[in-house]
Structures are given as structure tokens and as C-alpha cells.
PDB file of N, CA and C in Angstrom:
ATOM      1  N   MET A   1     102.624  76.469 115.870  1.00  0.00           N
ATOM      2  CA  MET A   1     102.030  77.790 115.998  1.00  0.00           C
ATOM      3  C   MET A   1     102.705  78.737 115.010  1.00  0.00           C
ATOM      4  N   VAL A   2     101.903  79.530 114.332  1.00  0.00           N
ATOM      5  CA  VAL A   2     102.409  80.511 113.377  1.00  0.00           C
ATOM      6  C   VAL A   2     102.113  81.898 113.919  1.00  0.00           C
ATOM      7  N   ALA A   3     103.115  82.746 113.934  1.00  0.00           N
ATOM      8  CA  ALA A   3     102.914  84.132 114.349  1.00  0.00           C
ATOM      9  C   ALA A   3     102.476  84.942 113.132  1.00  0.00           C
ATOM     10  N   LEU A   4     101.489  85.793 113.296  1.00  0.00           N
ATOM     11  CA  LEU A   4     101.029  86.665 112.224  1.00  0.00           C
ATOM     12  C   LEU A   4     101.405  88.102 112.559  1.00  0.00           C
ATOM     13  N   LEU A   5     102.015  88.772 111.603  1.00  0.00           N
ATOM     14  CA  LEU A   5     102.370  90.172 111.790  1.00  0.00           C
ATOM     15  C   LEU A   5     101.084  90.994 111.852  1.00  0.00           C
ATOM     16  N   ASN A   6     100.970  91.859 112.861  1.00  0.00           N
ATOM     17  CA  ASN A   6      99.779  92.706 112.941  1.00  0.00           C
ATOM     18  C   ASN A   6     100.096  94.198 112.946  1.00  0.00           C
ATOM     19  N   LEU A   7     101.377  94.564 113.054  1.00  0.00           N
ATOM     20  CA  LEU A   7     101.733  95.977 113.104  1.00  0.00           C
ATOM     21  C   LEU A   7     103.165  96.174 112.630  1.00  0.00           C
ATOM     22  N   LEU A   8     103.348  97.177 111.774  1.00  0.00           N
ATOM     23  CA  LEU A   8     104.676  97.616 111.370  1.00  0.00           C
ATOM     24  C   LEU A   8     104.673  99.131 111.436  1.00  0.00           C
ATOM     25  N   VAL A   9     105.629  99.706 112.164  1.00  0.00           N
ATOM     26  CA  VAL A   9     105.709 101.153 112.327  1.00  0.00           C
ATOM     27  C   VAL A   9     106.966 101.665 111.633  1.00  0.00           C
ATOM     28  N   LEU A  10     106.770 102.632 110.736  1.00  0.00           N
ATOM     29  CA  LEU A  10     107.883 103.340 110.103  1.00  0.00           C
ATOM     30  C   LEU A  10     107.962 104.719 110.735  1.00  0.00           C
ATOM     31  N   ARG A  11     109.165 105.256 110.791  1.00  0.00           N
ATOM     32  CA  ARG A  11     109.375 106.595 111.351  1.00  0.00           C
ATOM     33  C   ARG A  11     110.001 107.473 110.276  1.00  0.00           C
ATOM     34  N   ALA A  12     109.568 108.718 110.231  1.00  0.00           N
ATOM     35  CA  ALA A  12     110.091 109.658 109.239  1.00  0.00           C
ATOM     36  C   ALA A  12     110.044 111.068 109.815  1.00  0.00           C
ATOM     37  N   ASP A  13     111.033 111.890 109.432  1.00  0.00           N
ATOM     38  CA  ASP A  13     111.018 113.289 109.859  1.00  0.00           C
ATOM     39  C   ASP A  13     109.752 113.993 109.369  1.00  0.00           C
ATOM     40  N   LYS A  14     109.332 113.651 108.150  1.00  0.00           N
ATOM     41  CA  LYS A  14     108.121 114.229 107.559  1.00  0.00           C
ATOM     42  C   LYS A  14     107.217 113.080 107.109  1.00  0.00           C
ATOM     43  N   PRO A  15     106.449 112.514 108.034  1.00  0.00           N
ATOM     44  CA  PRO A  15     105.632 111.343 107.715  1.00  0.00           C
ATOM     45  C   PRO A  15     104.697 111.542 106.521  1.00  0.00           C
ATOM     46  N   ASP A  16     104.171 112.763 106.375  1.00  0.00           N
ATOM     47  CA  ASP A  16     103.241 113.022 105.277  1.00  0.00           C
ATOM     48  C   ASP A  16     103.881 112.835 103.903  1.00  0.00           C
ATOM     49  N   GLU A  17     105.208 112.853 103.817  1.00  0.00           N
ATOM     50  CA  GLU A  17     105.887 112.631 102.541  1.00  0.00           C
ATOM     51  C   GLU A  17     105.894 111.157 102.144  1.00  0.00           C
ATOM     52  N   LEU A  18     105.706 110.244 103.104  1.00  0.00           N
ATOM     53  CA  LEU A  18     105.671 108.814 102.796  1.00  0.00           C
ATOM     54  C   LEU A  18     104.285 108.341 102.371  1.00  0.00           C
ATOM     55  N   VAL A  19     103.248 109.022 102.806  1.00  0.00           N
ATOM     56  CA  VAL A  19     101.881 108.567 102.578  1.00  0.00           C
ATOM     57  C   VAL A  19     101.567 108.349 101.090  1.00  0.00           C
ATOM     58  N   PRO A  20     101.841 109.297 100.185  1.00  0.00           N
ATOM     59  CA  PRO A  20     101.492 109.062  98.774  1.00  0.00           C
ATOM     60  C   PRO A  20     102.203 107.840  98.178  1.00  0.00           C
ATOM     61  N   PHE A  21     103.430 107.573  98.597  1.00  0.00           N
ATOM     62  CA  PHE A  21     104.168 106.409  98.090  1.00  0.00           C
ATOM     63  C   PHE A  21     103.437 105.117  98.457  1.00  0.00           C
ATOM     64  N   TYR A  22     103.083 104.963  99.733  1.00  0.00           N
ATOM     65  CA  TYR A  22     102.417 103.735 100.168  1.00  0.00           C
ATOM     66  C   TYR A  22     100.975 103.660  99.679  1.00  0.00           C
ATOM     67  N   GLU A  23     100.340 104.814  99.460  1.00  0.00           N
ATOM     68  CA  GLU A  23      99.012 104.799  98.853  1.00  0.00           C
ATOM     69  C   GLU A  23      99.086 104.286  97.419  1.00  0.00           C
ATOM     70  N   ALA A  24     100.183 104.559  96.720  1.00  0.00           N
ATOM     71  CA  ALA A  24     100.369 104.041  95.358  1.00  0.00           C
ATOM     72  C   ALA A  24     100.502 102.520  95.353  1.00  0.00           C
ATOM     73  N   LEU A  25     100.835 101.931  96.502  1.00  0.00           N
ATOM     74  CA  LEU A  25     100.892 100.474  96.635  1.00  0.00           C
ATOM     75  C   LEU A  25      99.527  99.894  97.002  1.00  0.00           C
ATOM     76  N   GLY A  26      98.575 100.757  97.341  1.00  0.00           N
ATOM     77  CA  GLY A  26      97.235 100.299  97.674  1.00  0.00           C
ATOM     78  C   GLY A  26      96.839 100.447  99.126  1.00  0.00           C
ATOM     79  N   VAL A  27      97.679 101.068  99.948  1.00  0.00           N
ATOM     80  CA  VAL A  27      97.349 101.271 101.367  1.00  0.00           C
ATOM     81  C   VAL A  27      96.546 102.568 101.490  1.00  0.00           C
ATOM     82  N   THR A  28      95.428 102.512 102.200  1.00  0.00           N
ATOM     83  CA  THR A  28      94.615 103.700 102.461  1.00  0.00           C
ATOM     84  C   THR A  28      94.828 104.089 103.919  1.00  0.00           C
ATOM     85  N   PHE A  29      95.266 105.325 104.124  1.00  0.00           N
ATOM     86  CA  PHE A  29      95.606 105.785 105.472  1.00  0.00           C
ATOM     87  C   PHE A  29      94.527 106.671 106.065  1.00  0.00           C
ATOM     88  N   LYS A  30      94.489 106.663 107.391  1.00  0.00           N
ATOM     89  CA  LYS A  30      93.719 107.652 108.135  1.00  0.00           C
ATOM     90  C   LYS A  30      94.645 108.217 109.201  1.00  0.00           C
ATOM     91  N   VAL A  31      94.356 109.417 109.637  1.00  0.00           N
ATOM     92  CA  VAL A  31      95.156 110.065 110.675  1.00  0.00           C
ATOM     93  C   VAL A  31      94.620 109.618 112.030  1.00  0.00           C
ATOM     94  N   GLU A  32      95.541 109.244 112.928  1.00  0.00           N
ATOM     95  CA  GLU A  32      95.159 108.796 114.270  1.00  0.00           C
ATOM     96  C   GLU A  32      96.041 109.460 115.314  1.00  0.00           C
ATOM     97  N   ARG A  33      95.547 109.426 116.528  1.00  0.00           N
ATOM     98  CA  ARG A  33      96.316 109.838 117.697  1.00  0.00           C
ATOM     99  C   ARG A  33      95.790 109.015 118.859  1.00  0.00           C
ATOM    100  N   HIS A  34      96.684 108.386 119.587  1.00  0.00           N
ATOM    101  CA  HIS A  34      96.292 107.576 120.738  1.00  0.00           C
ATOM    102  C   HIS A  34      96.672 108.319 122.012  1.00  0.00           C
ATOM    103  N   GLY A  35      95.686 108.722 122.760  1.00  0.00           N
ATOM    104  CA  GLY A  35      95.947 109.460 123.996  1.00  0.00           C
ATOM    105  C   GLY A  35      96.732 110.727 123.718  1.00  0.00           C
ATOM    106  N   LYS A  36      97.856 110.869 124.428  1.00  0.00           N
ATOM    107  CA  LYS A  36      98.701 112.058 124.264  1.00  0.00           C
ATOM    108  C   LYS A  36      99.834 111.823 123.271  1.00  0.00           C
ATOM    109  N   GLY A  37      99.809 110.676 122.571  1.00  0.00           N
ATOM    110  CA  GLY A  37     100.848 110.349 121.598  1.00  0.00           C
ATOM    111  C   GLY A  37     100.775 111.257 120.377  1.00  0.00           C
ATOM    112  N   PRO A  38     101.743 111.119 119.487  1.00  0.00           N
ATOM    113  CA  PRO A  38     101.790 111.980 118.306  1.00  0.00           C
ATOM    114  C   PRO A  38     100.742 111.578 117.260  1.00  0.00           C
ATOM    115  N   GLU A  39     100.316 112.539 116.493  1.00  0.00           N
ATOM    116  CA  GLU A  39      99.465 112.262 115.353  1.00  0.00           C
ATOM    117  C   GLU A  39     100.279 111.453 114.355  1.00  0.00           C
ATOM    118  N   HIS A  40      99.659 110.454 113.747  1.00  0.00           N
ATOM    119  CA  HIS A  40     100.361 109.583 112.805  1.00  0.00           C
ATOM    120  C   HIS A  40      99.369 109.031 111.793  1.00  0.00           C
ATOM    121  N   TYR A  41      99.881 108.324 110.793  1.00  0.00           N
ATOM    122  CA  TYR A  41      99.055 107.715 109.760  1.00  0.00           C
ATOM    123  C   TYR A  41      98.955 106.220 110.017  1.00  0.00           C
ATOM    124  N   SER A  42      97.771 105.654 109.790  1.00  0.00           N
ATOM    125  CA  SER A  42      97.543 104.230 109.991  1.00  0.00           C
ATOM    126  C   SER A  42      96.744 103.685 108.813  1.00  0.00           C
ATOM    127  N   GLY A  43      97.227 102.558 108.240  1.00  0.00           N
ATOM    128  CA  GLY A  43      96.532 101.954 107.115  1.00  0.00           C
ATOM    129  C   GLY A  43      96.610 100.440 107.175  1.00  0.00           C
ATOM    130  N   ALA A  44      95.529  99.786 106.768  1.00  0.00           N
ATOM    131  CA  ALA A  44      95.474  98.324 106.784  1.00  0.00           C
ATOM    132  C   ALA A  44      96.221  97.739 105.596  1.00  0.00           C
ATOM    133  N   CYS A  45      96.983  96.681 105.884  1.00  0.00           N
ATOM    134  CA  CYS A  45      97.669  95.868 104.869  1.00  0.00           C
ATOM    135  C   CYS A  45      97.254  94.431 105.157  1.00  0.00           C
ATOM    136  N   GLY A  46      96.167  93.990 104.552  1.00  0.00           N
ATOM    137  CA  GLY A  46      95.627  92.694 104.929  1.00  0.00           C
ATOM    138  C   GLY A  46      95.179  92.771 106.371  1.00  0.00           C
ATOM    139  N   GLU A  47      95.660  91.859 107.197  1.00  0.00           N
ATOM    140  CA  GLU A  47      95.298  91.865 108.615  1.00  0.00           C
ATOM    141  C   GLU A  47      96.249  92.718 109.458  1.00  0.00           C
ATOM    142  N   ALA A  48      97.304  93.217 108.858  1.00  0.00           N
ATOM    143  CA  ALA A  48      98.292  94.019 109.583  1.00  0.00           C
ATOM    144  C   ALA A  48      98.037  95.508 109.382  1.00  0.00           C
ATOM    145  N   LEU A  49      98.574  96.300 110.298  1.00  0.00           N
ATOM    146  CA  LEU A  49      98.536  97.752 110.163  1.00  0.00           C
ATOM    147  C   LEU A  49      99.924  98.262 109.819  1.00  0.00           C
ATOM    148  N   LEU A  50      99.985  99.202 108.896  1.00  0.00           N
ATOM    149  CA  LEU A  50     101.205  99.944 108.607  1.00  0.00           C
ATOM    150  C   LEU A  50     100.977 101.332 109.172  1.00  0.00           C
ATOM    151  N   GLU A  51     101.835 101.741 110.103  1.00  0.00           N
ATOM    152  CA  GLU A  51     101.712 103.066 110.688  1.00  0.00           C
ATOM    153  C   GLU A  51     102.969 103.866 110.394  1.00  0.00           C
ATOM    154  N   ILE A  52     102.771 105.152 110.134  1.00  0.00           N
ATOM    155  CA  ILE A  52     103.882 106.060 109.859  1.00  0.00           C
ATOM    156  C   ILE A  52     103.840 107.159 110.907  1.00  0.00           C
ATOM    157  N   TYR A  53     104.870 107.174 111.741  1.00  0.00           N
ATOM    158  CA  TYR A  53     104.987 108.113 112.855  1.00  0.00           C
ATOM    159  C   TYR A  53     106.093 109.118 112.576  1.00  0.00           C
ATOM    160  N   PRO A  54     106.012 110.282 113.215  1.00  0.00           N
ATOM    161  CA  PRO A  54     107.145 111.206 113.149  1.00  0.00           C
ATOM    162  C   PRO A  54     108.334 110.605 113.908  1.00  0.00           C
ATOM    163  N   SER A  55     109.522 110.858 113.393  1.00  0.00           N
ATOM    164  CA  SER A  55     110.748 110.387 114.047  1.00  0.00           C
ATOM    165  C   SER A  55     111.013 111.180 115.311  1.00  0.00           C
ATOM    166  N   LEU A  56     111.613 110.500 116.256  1.00  0.00           N
ATOM    167  CA  LEU A  56     112.145 111.170 117.429  1.00  0.00           C
ATOM    168  C   LEU A  56     113.620 111.452 117.156  1.00  0.00           C
ATOM    169  N   PRO A  57     114.254 112.374 117.855  1.00  0.00           N
ATOM    170  CA  PRO A  57     115.673 112.668 117.606  1.00  0.00           C
ATOM    171  C   PRO A  57     116.527 111.393 117.675  1.00  0.00           C
ATOM    172  N   GLY A  58     117.342 111.191 116.657  1.00  0.00           N
ATOM    173  CA  GLY A  58     118.256 110.050 116.614  1.00  0.00           C
ATOM    174  C   GLY A  58     117.601 108.736 116.242  1.00  0.00           C
ATOM    175  N   GLU A  59     116.339 108.765 115.902  1.00  0.00           N
ATOM    176  CA  GLU A  59     115.596 107.535 115.593  1.00  0.00           C
ATOM    177  C   GLU A  59     115.407 107.409 114.080  1.00  0.00           C
ATOM    178  N   SER A  60     115.613 106.197 113.550  1.00  0.00           N
ATOM    179  CA  SER A  60     115.432 105.968 112.125  1.00  0.00           C
ATOM    180  C   SER A  60     115.008 104.526 111.874  1.00  0.00           C
ATOM    181  N   THR A  61     114.128 104.353 110.901  1.00  0.00           N
ATOM    182  CA  THR A  61     113.770 103.013 110.432  1.00  0.00           C
ATOM    183  C   THR A  61     114.214 102.825 108.986  1.00  0.00           C
ATOM    184  N   ALA A  62     115.083 103.699 108.488  1.00  0.00           N
ATOM    185  CA  ALA A  62     115.465 103.691 107.072  1.00  0.00           C
ATOM    186  C   ALA A  62     116.065 102.364 106.611  1.00  0.00           C
ATOM    187  N   ALA A  63     116.641 101.577 107.498  1.00  0.00           N
ATOM    188  CA  ALA A  63     117.231 100.292 107.097  1.00  0.00           C
ATOM    189  C   ALA A  63     116.184  99.181 107.005  1.00  0.00           C
ATOM    190  N   THR A  64     114.943  99.484 107.372  1.00  0.00           N
ATOM    191  CA  THR A  64     113.874  98.491 107.324  1.00  0.00           C
ATOM    192  C   THR A  64     113.506  98.189 105.878  1.00  0.00           C
ATOM    193  N   ARG A  65     113.316  96.910 105.572  1.00  0.00           N
ATOM    194  CA  ARG A  65     112.878  96.488 104.239  1.00  0.00           C
ATOM    195  C   ARG A  65     111.488  95.882 104.372  1.00  0.00           C
ATOM    196  N   LEU A  66     110.606  96.256 103.462  1.00  0.00           N
ATOM    197  CA  LEU A  66     109.226  95.793 103.485  1.00  0.00           C
ATOM    198  C   LEU A  66     108.933  95.016 102.214  1.00  0.00           C
ATOM    199  N   GLY A  67     107.915  94.173 102.252  1.00  0.00           N
ATOM    200  CA  GLY A  67     107.491  93.442 101.070  1.00  0.00           C
ATOM    201  C   GLY A  67     105.978  93.437 100.955  1.00  0.00           C
ATOM    202  N   PHE A  68     105.483  93.624  99.738  1.00  0.00           N
ATOM    203  CA  PHE A  68     104.050  93.653  99.475  1.00  0.00           C
ATOM    204  C   PHE A  68     103.729  92.757  98.291  1.00  0.00           C
ATOM    205  N   ILE A  69     102.594  92.088  98.342  1.00  0.00           N
ATOM    206  CA  ILE A  69     102.047  91.386  97.194  1.00  0.00           C
ATOM    207  C   ILE A  69     101.061  92.347  96.551  1.00  0.00           C
ATOM    208  N   VAL A  70     101.187  92.566  95.250  1.00  0.00           N
ATOM    209  CA  VAL A  70     100.344  93.524  94.542  1.00  0.00           C
ATOM    210  C   VAL A  70      99.712  92.853  93.325  1.00  0.00           C
ATOM    211  N   ASP A  71      98.691  93.491  92.768  1.00  0.00           N
ATOM    212  CA  ASP A  71      98.022  92.941  91.585  1.00  0.00           C
ATOM    213  C   ASP A  71      98.828  93.151  90.317  1.00  0.00           C
ATOM    214  N   ASP A  72      99.565  94.279  90.226  1.00  0.00           N
ATOM    215  CA  ASP A  72     100.267  94.617  88.986  1.00  0.00           C
ATOM    216  C   ASP A  72     101.561  95.369  89.314  1.00  0.00           C
ATOM    217  N   VAL A  73     102.685  94.666  89.224  1.00  0.00           N
ATOM    218  CA  VAL A  73     103.980  95.272  89.560  1.00  0.00           C
ATOM    219  C   VAL A  73     104.299  96.459  88.650  1.00  0.00           C
ATOM    220  N   GLU A  74     104.035  96.328  87.354  1.00  0.00           N
ATOM    221  CA  GLU A  74     104.325  97.425  86.418  1.00  0.00           C
ATOM    222  C   GLU A  74     103.560  98.689  86.808  1.00  0.00           C
ATOM    223  N   GLN A  75     102.283  98.540  87.119  1.00  0.00           N
ATOM    224  CA  GLN A  75     101.455  99.684  87.514  1.00  0.00           C
ATOM    225  C   GLN A  75     101.978 100.320  88.799  1.00  0.00           C
ATOM    226  N   VAL A  76     102.347  99.492  89.774  1.00  0.00           N
ATOM    227  CA  VAL A  76     102.888 100.012  91.032  1.00  0.00           C
ATOM    228  C   VAL A  76     104.190 100.764  90.778  1.00  0.00           C
ATOM    229  N   CYS A  77     105.044 100.222  89.913  1.00  0.00           N
ATOM    230  CA  CYS A  77     106.312 100.899  89.611  1.00  0.00           C
ATOM    231  C   CYS A  77     106.070 102.257  88.965  1.00  0.00           C
ATOM    232  N   LEU A  78     105.077 102.337  88.091  1.00  0.00           N
ATOM    233  CA  LEU A  78     104.754 103.624  87.468  1.00  0.00           C
ATOM    234  C   LEU A  78     104.242 104.620  88.500  1.00  0.00           C
ATOM    235  N   ALA A  79     103.344 104.170  89.370  1.00  0.00           N
ATOM    236  CA  ALA A  79     102.739 105.069  90.354  1.00  0.00           C
ATOM    237  C   ALA A  79     103.699 105.421  91.490  1.00  0.00           C
ATOM    238  N   ALA A  80     104.315 104.411  92.095  1.00  0.00           N
ATOM    239  CA  ALA A  80     105.167 104.646  93.266  1.00  0.00           C
ATOM    240  C   ALA A  80     106.583 105.039  92.877  1.00  0.00           C
ATOM    241  N   GLY A  81     107.047 104.570  91.725  1.00  0.00           N
ATOM    242  CA  GLY A  81     108.419 104.885  91.293  1.00  0.00           C
ATOM    243  C   GLY A  81     108.660 106.371  91.128  1.00  0.00           C
ATOM    244  N   SER A  82     107.625 107.112  90.724  1.00  0.00           N
ATOM    245  CA  SER A  82     107.775 108.559  90.564  1.00  0.00           C
ATOM    246  C   SER A  82     107.758 109.292  91.906  1.00  0.00           C
ATOM    247  N   LEU A  83     107.302 108.601  92.959  1.00  0.00           N
ATOM    248  CA  LEU A  83     107.257 109.192  94.299  1.00  0.00           C
ATOM    249  C   LEU A  83     108.474 108.811  95.132  1.00  0.00           C
ATOM    250  N   GLY A  84     109.170 107.782  94.713  1.00  0.00           N
ATOM    251  CA  GLY A  84     110.391 107.312  95.358  1.00  0.00           C
ATOM    252  C   GLY A  84     111.392 107.030  94.257  1.00  0.00           C
ATOM    253  N   SER A  85     111.935 105.825  94.226  1.00  0.00           N
ATOM    254  CA  SER A  85     112.821 105.438  93.135  1.00  0.00           C
ATOM    255  C   SER A  85     112.721 103.937  92.915  1.00  0.00           C
ATOM    256  N   ILE A  86     113.085 103.522  91.713  1.00  0.00           N
ATOM    257  CA  ILE A  86     113.110 102.104  91.399  1.00  0.00           C
ATOM    258  C   ILE A  86     114.541 101.620  91.573  1.00  0.00           C
ATOM    259  N   VAL A  87     114.746 100.682  92.488  1.00  0.00           N
ATOM    260  CA  VAL A  87     116.068 100.126  92.778  1.00  0.00           C
ATOM    261  C   VAL A  87     116.358  98.966  91.838  1.00  0.00           C
ATOM    262  N   LYS A  88     115.358  98.121  91.602  1.00  0.00           N
ATOM    263  CA  LYS A  88     115.488  96.976  90.703  1.00  0.00           C
ATOM    264  C   LYS A  88     114.226  96.902  89.864  1.00  0.00           C
ATOM    265  N   GLU A  89     114.412  97.013  88.553  1.00  0.00           N
ATOM    266  CA  GLU A  89     113.293  96.979  87.610  1.00  0.00           C
ATOM    267  C   GLU A  89     112.538  95.657  87.709  1.00  0.00           C
ATOM    268  N   PRO A  90     111.259  95.645  87.312  1.00  0.00           N
ATOM    269  CA  PRO A  90     110.497  94.396  87.339  1.00  0.00           C
ATOM    270  C   PRO A  90     111.168  93.300  86.504  1.00  0.00           C
ATOM    271  N   SER A  91     111.177  92.106  87.064  1.00  0.00           N
ATOM    272  CA  SER A  91     111.721  90.952  86.345  1.00  0.00           C
ATOM    273  C   SER A  91     111.004  89.696  86.813  1.00  0.00           C
ATOM    274  N   HIS A  92     111.068  88.657  85.980  1.00  0.00           N
ATOM    275  CA  HIS A  92     110.474  87.378  86.335  1.00  0.00           C
ATOM    276  C   HIS A  92     111.445  86.635  87.250  1.00  0.00           C
ATOM    277  N   THR A  93     110.938  86.183  88.390  1.00  0.00           N
ATOM    278  CA  THR A  93     111.754  85.445  89.354  1.00  0.00           C
ATOM    279  C   THR A  93     110.989  84.191  89.773  1.00  0.00           C
ATOM    280  N   GLN A  94     111.600  83.394  90.609  1.00  0.00           N
ATOM    281  CA  GLN A  94     110.917  82.195  91.105  1.00  0.00           C
ATOM    282  C   GLN A  94     109.698  82.536  91.945  1.00  0.00           C
ATOM    283  N   TRP A  95     109.604  83.766  92.432  1.00  0.00           N
ATOM    284  CA  TRP A  95     108.465  84.201  93.245  1.00  0.00           C
ATOM    285  C   TRP A  95     107.394  84.889  92.419  1.00  0.00           C
ATOM    286  N   GLY A  96     107.645  85.098  91.143  1.00  0.00           N
ATOM    287  CA  GLY A  96     106.735  85.827  90.264  1.00  0.00           C
ATOM    288  C   GLY A  96     107.415  87.099  89.778  1.00  0.00           C
ATOM    289  N   ILE A  97     106.642  87.987  89.188  1.00  0.00           N
ATOM    290  CA  ILE A  97     107.201  89.261  88.732  1.00  0.00           C
ATOM    291  C   ILE A  97     107.492  90.091  89.967  1.00  0.00           C
ATOM    292  N   ARG A  98     108.727  90.604  90.044  1.00  0.00           N
ATOM    293  CA  ARG A  98     109.213  91.256  91.261  1.00  0.00           C
ATOM    294  C   ARG A  98     109.992  92.513  90.902  1.00  0.00           C
ATOM    295  N   ALA A  99     109.872  93.524  91.742  1.00  0.00           N
ATOM    296  CA  ALA A  99     110.665  94.747  91.617  1.00  0.00           C
ATOM    297  C   ALA A  99     110.992  95.220  93.025  1.00  0.00           C
ATOM    298  N   VAL A 100     112.018  96.065  93.123  1.00  0.00           N
ATOM    299  CA  VAL A 100     112.366  96.669  94.405  1.00  0.00           C
ATOM    300  C   VAL A 100     112.364  98.182  94.210  1.00  0.00           C
ATOM    301  N   LEU A 101     111.645  98.856  95.092  1.00  0.00           N
ATOM    302  CA  LEU A 101     111.552 100.311  95.079  1.00  0.00           C
ATOM    303  C   LEU A 101     112.192 100.858  96.350  1.00  0.00           C
ATOM    304  N   ALA A 102     112.374 102.153  96.390  1.00  0.00           N
ATOM    305  CA  ALA A 102     112.784 102.835  97.623  1.00  0.00           C
ATOM    306  C   ALA A 102     111.788 103.963  97.847  1.00  0.00           C
ATOM    307  N   ASP A 103     111.287 104.073  99.069  1.00  0.00           N
ATOM    308  CA  ASP A 103     110.347 105.160  99.362  1.00  0.00           C
ATOM    309  C   ASP A 103     111.136 106.467  99.489  1.00  0.00           C
ATOM    310  N   PRO A 104     110.468 107.589  99.689  1.00  0.00           N
ATOM    311  CA  PRO A 104     111.161 108.885  99.709  1.00  0.00           C
ATOM    312  C   PRO A 104     112.282 109.034 100.740  1.00  0.00           C
ATOM    313  N   ILE A 105     112.300 108.214 101.810  1.00  0.00           N
ATOM    314  CA  ILE A 105     113.414 108.336 102.757  1.00  0.00           C
ATOM    315  C   ILE A 105     114.352 107.134 102.728  1.00  0.00           C
ATOM    316  N   GLY A 106     114.126 106.204 101.785  1.00  0.00           N
ATOM    317  CA  GLY A 106     115.090 105.131 101.584  1.00  0.00           C
ATOM    318  C   GLY A 106     114.712 103.751 102.056  1.00  0.00           C
ATOM    319  N   HIS A 107     113.525 103.557 102.652  1.00  0.00           N
ATOM    320  CA  HIS A 107     113.097 102.193 102.985  1.00  0.00           C
ATOM    321  C   HIS A 107     113.016 101.404 101.680  1.00  0.00           C
ATOM    322  N   LYS A 108     113.630 100.235 101.621  1.00  0.00           N
ATOM    323  CA  LYS A 108     113.526  99.380 100.443  1.00  0.00           C
ATOM    324  C   LYS A 108     112.182  98.644 100.515  1.00  0.00           C
ATOM    325  N   VAL A 109     111.489  98.596  99.384  1.00  0.00           N
ATOM    326  CA  VAL A 109     110.157  98.007  99.325  1.00  0.00           C
ATOM    327  C   VAL A 109     110.107  97.033  98.148  1.00  0.00           C
ATOM    328  N   GLU A 110     109.968  95.762  98.464  1.00  0.00           N
ATOM    329  CA  GLU A 110     109.853  94.729  97.439  1.00  0.00           C
ATOM    330  C   GLU A 110     108.387  94.551  97.093  1.00  0.00           C
ATOM    331  N   VAL A 111     108.078  94.530  95.801  1.00  0.00           N
ATOM    332  CA  VAL A 111     106.716  94.265  95.356  1.00  0.00           C
ATOM    333  C   VAL A 111     106.749  93.030  94.456  1.00  0.00           C
ATOM    334  N   VAL A 112     105.822  92.115  94.712  1.00  0.00           N
ATOM    335  CA  VAL A 112     105.715  90.874  93.943  1.00  0.00           C
ATOM    336  C   VAL A 112     104.298  90.781  93.443  1.00  0.00           C
ATOM    337  N   GLN A 113     104.162  90.470  92.159  1.00  0.00           N
ATOM    338  CA  GLN A 113     102.835  90.395  91.556  1.00  0.00           C
ATOM    339  C   GLN A 113     102.106  89.146  91.997  1.00  0.00           C
ATOM    340  N   ARG A 114     100.867  89.342  92.389  1.00  0.00           N
ATOM    341  CA  ARG A 114     100.003  88.235  92.799  1.00  0.00           C
ATOM    342  C   ARG A 114      99.855  87.264  91.632  1.00  0.00           C
ATOM    343  N   ALA A 115      99.972  85.975  91.907  1.00  0.00           N
ATOM    344  CA  ALA A 115      99.895  84.955  90.848  1.00  0.00           C
ATOM    345  C   ALA A 115      98.489  84.860  90.288  1.00  0.00           C
TER     346      ALA A 115
END
């Protein structure tokens, strides 16, 4: 049996500051609210959802590392790198062309070019 990831939730003091970074990776967000819960952003990543919620006091997901397969690592670095930072420049690896970025609050984001 293989488990498939269907949801990843990031938390940020200012969630709207993360949206442009992840949109530069190709995620399209919509604003949602479930019942009396907080308004948040939700976007499909393949079969999984990436959601960005406001942080609660003392709560952080900044140590979380994410990985995405993209069509063009160089293009993503140009678009998302200006919204966050480039931690490791694109290079050829055994997994393909790979780079590591950091979003505006420090989540490390690995991008690998689709073969």
C-alpha cells in the first residue's frame, strides 16, 4: 500500500505574503473558509492541496521543507527568487536540474525540473 499526500498546511503571520511566491511555482490559490475557521488560501498541487493559514500564537511551520517538480527551474528561480531568496542556485544533479529557494518566511523549497 502506498500513501498519497493530499494536504499540506503552511502557517504564516501574513499568509497573503506567501501567495505570490507559490503562484510563481505554478500553484493557483482561492480563498476559503470552512465553517467558523479562519479565512485561508487553498491551491491544488497535483492531487494534493497546499493551504496557507494564518499562524496562531507560538505556532510556526518555518522549519518545513517542501519539494516541487516544475517545467523550468531557471524560470521558477527568476519568478520566485525575487519574491523569496535563492538558497542553492540551479545545478545538474542525479535527480535532474535542481535548486533550493526560501519563501518569504523561510520555508525551504526544492524545485526539480521535470525530465
